Protein backbone atom coordinates (compact mmCIF):
# COMPACT_ATOMS: atom_id res chain seq x y z
CA UNK A 1 143.68 57.66 147.14
CA UNK A 2 146.54 58.50 144.78
CA UNK A 3 144.09 59.62 142.10
CA UNK A 4 142.48 61.94 144.63
CA UNK A 5 145.80 63.65 145.34
CA UNK A 6 146.60 63.95 141.63
CA UNK A 7 143.18 65.48 140.97
CA UNK A 8 143.47 67.90 143.89
CA UNK A 9 146.90 69.09 142.75
CA UNK A 10 145.58 70.10 139.32
CA UNK A 11 144.58 73.47 140.79
CA UNK A 12 148.19 74.66 141.24
CA UNK A 13 148.67 75.75 137.63
CA UNK A 14 145.25 77.48 137.32
CA UNK A 15 145.87 79.36 140.58
CA UNK A 16 149.18 80.66 139.28
CA UNK A 17 147.55 81.60 135.96
CA UNK A 18 144.80 83.47 137.78
CA UNK A 19 147.37 85.45 139.75
CA UNK A 20 149.40 86.24 136.65
CA UNK A 21 146.34 87.37 134.66
CA UNK A 22 144.67 89.42 137.38
CA UNK A 23 147.65 91.41 138.61
CA UNK A 24 149.22 94.40 136.90
CA UNK A 25 152.47 93.69 135.08
CA UNK A 26 154.53 95.62 137.60
CA UNK A 27 153.08 93.73 140.59
CA UNK A 28 153.30 90.14 139.32
CA UNK A 29 156.56 89.26 141.07
CA UNK A 30 155.26 90.73 144.33
CA UNK A 31 152.02 88.76 144.01
CA UNK A 32 153.85 85.47 143.42
CA UNK A 33 156.15 86.23 146.35
CA UNK A 34 153.19 86.92 148.64
CA UNK A 35 151.52 83.70 147.46
CA UNK A 36 154.67 81.74 148.30
CA UNK A 37 154.91 83.45 151.70
CA UNK A 38 151.29 82.59 152.45
CA UNK A 39 151.84 78.96 151.52
CA UNK A 40 154.94 78.78 153.73
CA UNK A 41 153.09 80.30 156.68
CA UNK A 42 150.18 77.88 156.30
CA UNK A 43 152.52 74.88 156.02
CA UNK A 44 154.44 75.78 159.19
CA UNK A 45 152.09 74.05 161.72
CA UNK A 46 151.76 70.87 159.63
CA UNK A 47 154.53 68.87 161.38
CA UNK A 48 153.05 69.75 164.75
CA UNK A 49 149.55 68.64 163.72
CA UNK A 50 150.70 65.38 162.12
CA UNK A 51 153.05 64.71 165.06
CA UNK A 52 150.06 64.99 167.38
CA UNK A 53 148.19 62.48 165.17
CA UNK A 54 151.05 59.99 165.48
CA UNK A 55 151.40 60.55 169.22
CA UNK A 56 147.66 60.12 169.68
CA UNK A 57 147.68 56.67 168.10
CA UNK A 58 150.64 55.32 170.08
CA UNK A 59 149.75 52.24 172.13
CA UNK A 60 153.18 51.35 173.57
CA UNK A 61 155.83 53.81 174.70
CA UNK A 62 159.40 53.14 175.63
CA UNK A 63 160.00 53.57 179.33
CA UNK A 64 163.11 55.47 180.31
CA UNK A 65 164.48 54.17 183.61
CA UNK A 66 165.63 56.69 186.20
CA UNK A 67 164.55 59.64 184.09
CA UNK A 68 163.09 62.88 185.22
CA UNK A 69 159.34 63.05 184.45
CA UNK A 70 159.81 66.58 183.11
CA UNK A 71 161.92 65.17 180.25
CA UNK A 72 158.82 63.67 178.69
CA UNK A 73 157.96 60.22 177.52
CA UNK A 74 160.06 57.83 175.49
CA UNK A 75 159.69 56.95 171.84
CA UNK A 76 156.63 55.15 170.57
CA UNK A 77 157.27 51.46 170.02
CA UNK A 78 153.89 50.47 168.54
CA UNK A 79 150.99 52.28 166.94
CA UNK A 80 147.35 51.33 166.56
CA UNK A 81 147.60 50.83 162.82
CA UNK A 82 143.88 51.00 162.12
CA UNK A 83 143.43 54.19 164.12
CA UNK A 84 146.57 55.72 162.63
CA UNK A 85 145.42 54.93 159.09
CA UNK A 86 141.97 56.44 159.56
CA UNK A 87 143.19 59.47 161.49
CA UNK A 88 146.09 60.24 159.17
CA UNK A 89 144.15 59.87 155.93
CA UNK A 90 141.03 61.43 157.41
CA UNK A 91 142.96 64.52 158.45
CA UNK A 92 144.60 64.77 155.03
CA UNK A 93 141.34 64.37 153.12
CA UNK A 94 139.60 66.78 155.50
CA UNK A 95 142.23 69.48 154.99
CA UNK A 96 142.09 68.97 151.22
CA UNK A 97 138.30 69.25 151.32
CA UNK A 98 138.53 72.54 153.22
CA UNK A 99 141.02 73.82 150.61
CA UNK A 100 138.71 72.74 147.77
CA UNK A 101 135.75 74.47 149.46
CA UNK A 102 137.75 77.69 149.82
CA UNK A 103 138.75 77.49 146.15
CA UNK A 104 135.08 77.09 145.24
CA UNK A 105 134.19 80.19 147.30
CA UNK A 106 136.90 82.17 145.49
CA UNK A 107 135.56 80.91 142.15
CA UNK A 108 132.01 82.03 142.98
CA UNK A 109 133.18 85.45 144.20
CA UNK A 110 135.37 85.94 141.11
CA UNK A 111 132.49 84.98 138.84
CA UNK A 112 130.24 87.54 140.55
CA UNK A 113 132.90 90.23 140.22
CA UNK A 114 133.34 89.38 136.53
CA UNK A 115 129.58 89.70 135.99
CA UNK A 116 129.63 93.10 137.71
CA UNK A 117 132.52 94.27 135.52
CA UNK A 118 130.79 93.01 132.37
CA UNK A 119 127.60 94.84 133.35
CA UNK A 120 129.56 98.03 134.00
CA UNK A 121 131.35 97.72 130.63
CA UNK A 122 128.02 97.22 128.86
CA UNK A 123 126.62 100.30 130.60
CA UNK A 124 129.67 102.35 129.63
CA UNK A 125 129.37 101.23 126.00
CA UNK A 126 125.70 102.26 125.98
CA UNK A 127 126.58 105.66 127.40
CA UNK A 128 129.38 106.15 124.85
CA UNK A 129 127.09 105.27 121.92
CA UNK A 130 124.60 107.96 122.95
CA UNK A 131 127.25 110.69 123.06
CA UNK A 132 127.97 112.92 120.09
CA UNK A 133 131.43 113.53 118.70
CA UNK A 134 133.09 116.81 117.93
CA UNK A 135 132.76 115.76 114.29
CA UNK A 136 129.04 116.65 114.26
CA UNK A 137 129.82 119.86 112.36
CA UNK A 138 130.82 117.86 109.32
CA UNK A 139 128.28 116.65 106.81
CA UNK A 140 128.40 113.40 104.90
CA UNK A 141 128.82 113.52 101.16
CA UNK A 142 125.75 112.50 99.10
CA UNK A 143 127.47 109.28 98.03
CA UNK A 144 127.94 108.11 101.63
CA UNK A 145 124.34 109.03 102.54
CA UNK A 146 123.05 106.99 99.64
CA UNK A 147 125.23 104.00 100.55
CA UNK A 148 127.23 104.09 97.31
CA UNK A 149 130.61 104.04 99.00
């Protein structure tokens, strides 16, 4: 499991490199700031989700004598360890798999966009080769025409 998390975290540096290479020089700090903001906003519900996982696997709760039912339940005294293990790790692996799938989608879309840009550059080079320069009024010397230079 530890090797899985190490392997999944190898995408942090390439993601930052992609942002730094794709953004104009003047917008790099803004792009990194927006990336950090996005990560913070996506991390916000994590304690709530994992808290629900722990609460869902509780098998024995502390009873609070003479308490108002609106105050909620007591602390969990025992968990179903097998269920907690599978739910906790299953949720983590599932979320990581969704992240990896989204990274793959971004990779495919970026590769398509790169192919489009390469095709457009090739087309522009072909158009530029067919154009004549303003230097067409000049004639080559006989030595250049014969390949002596």
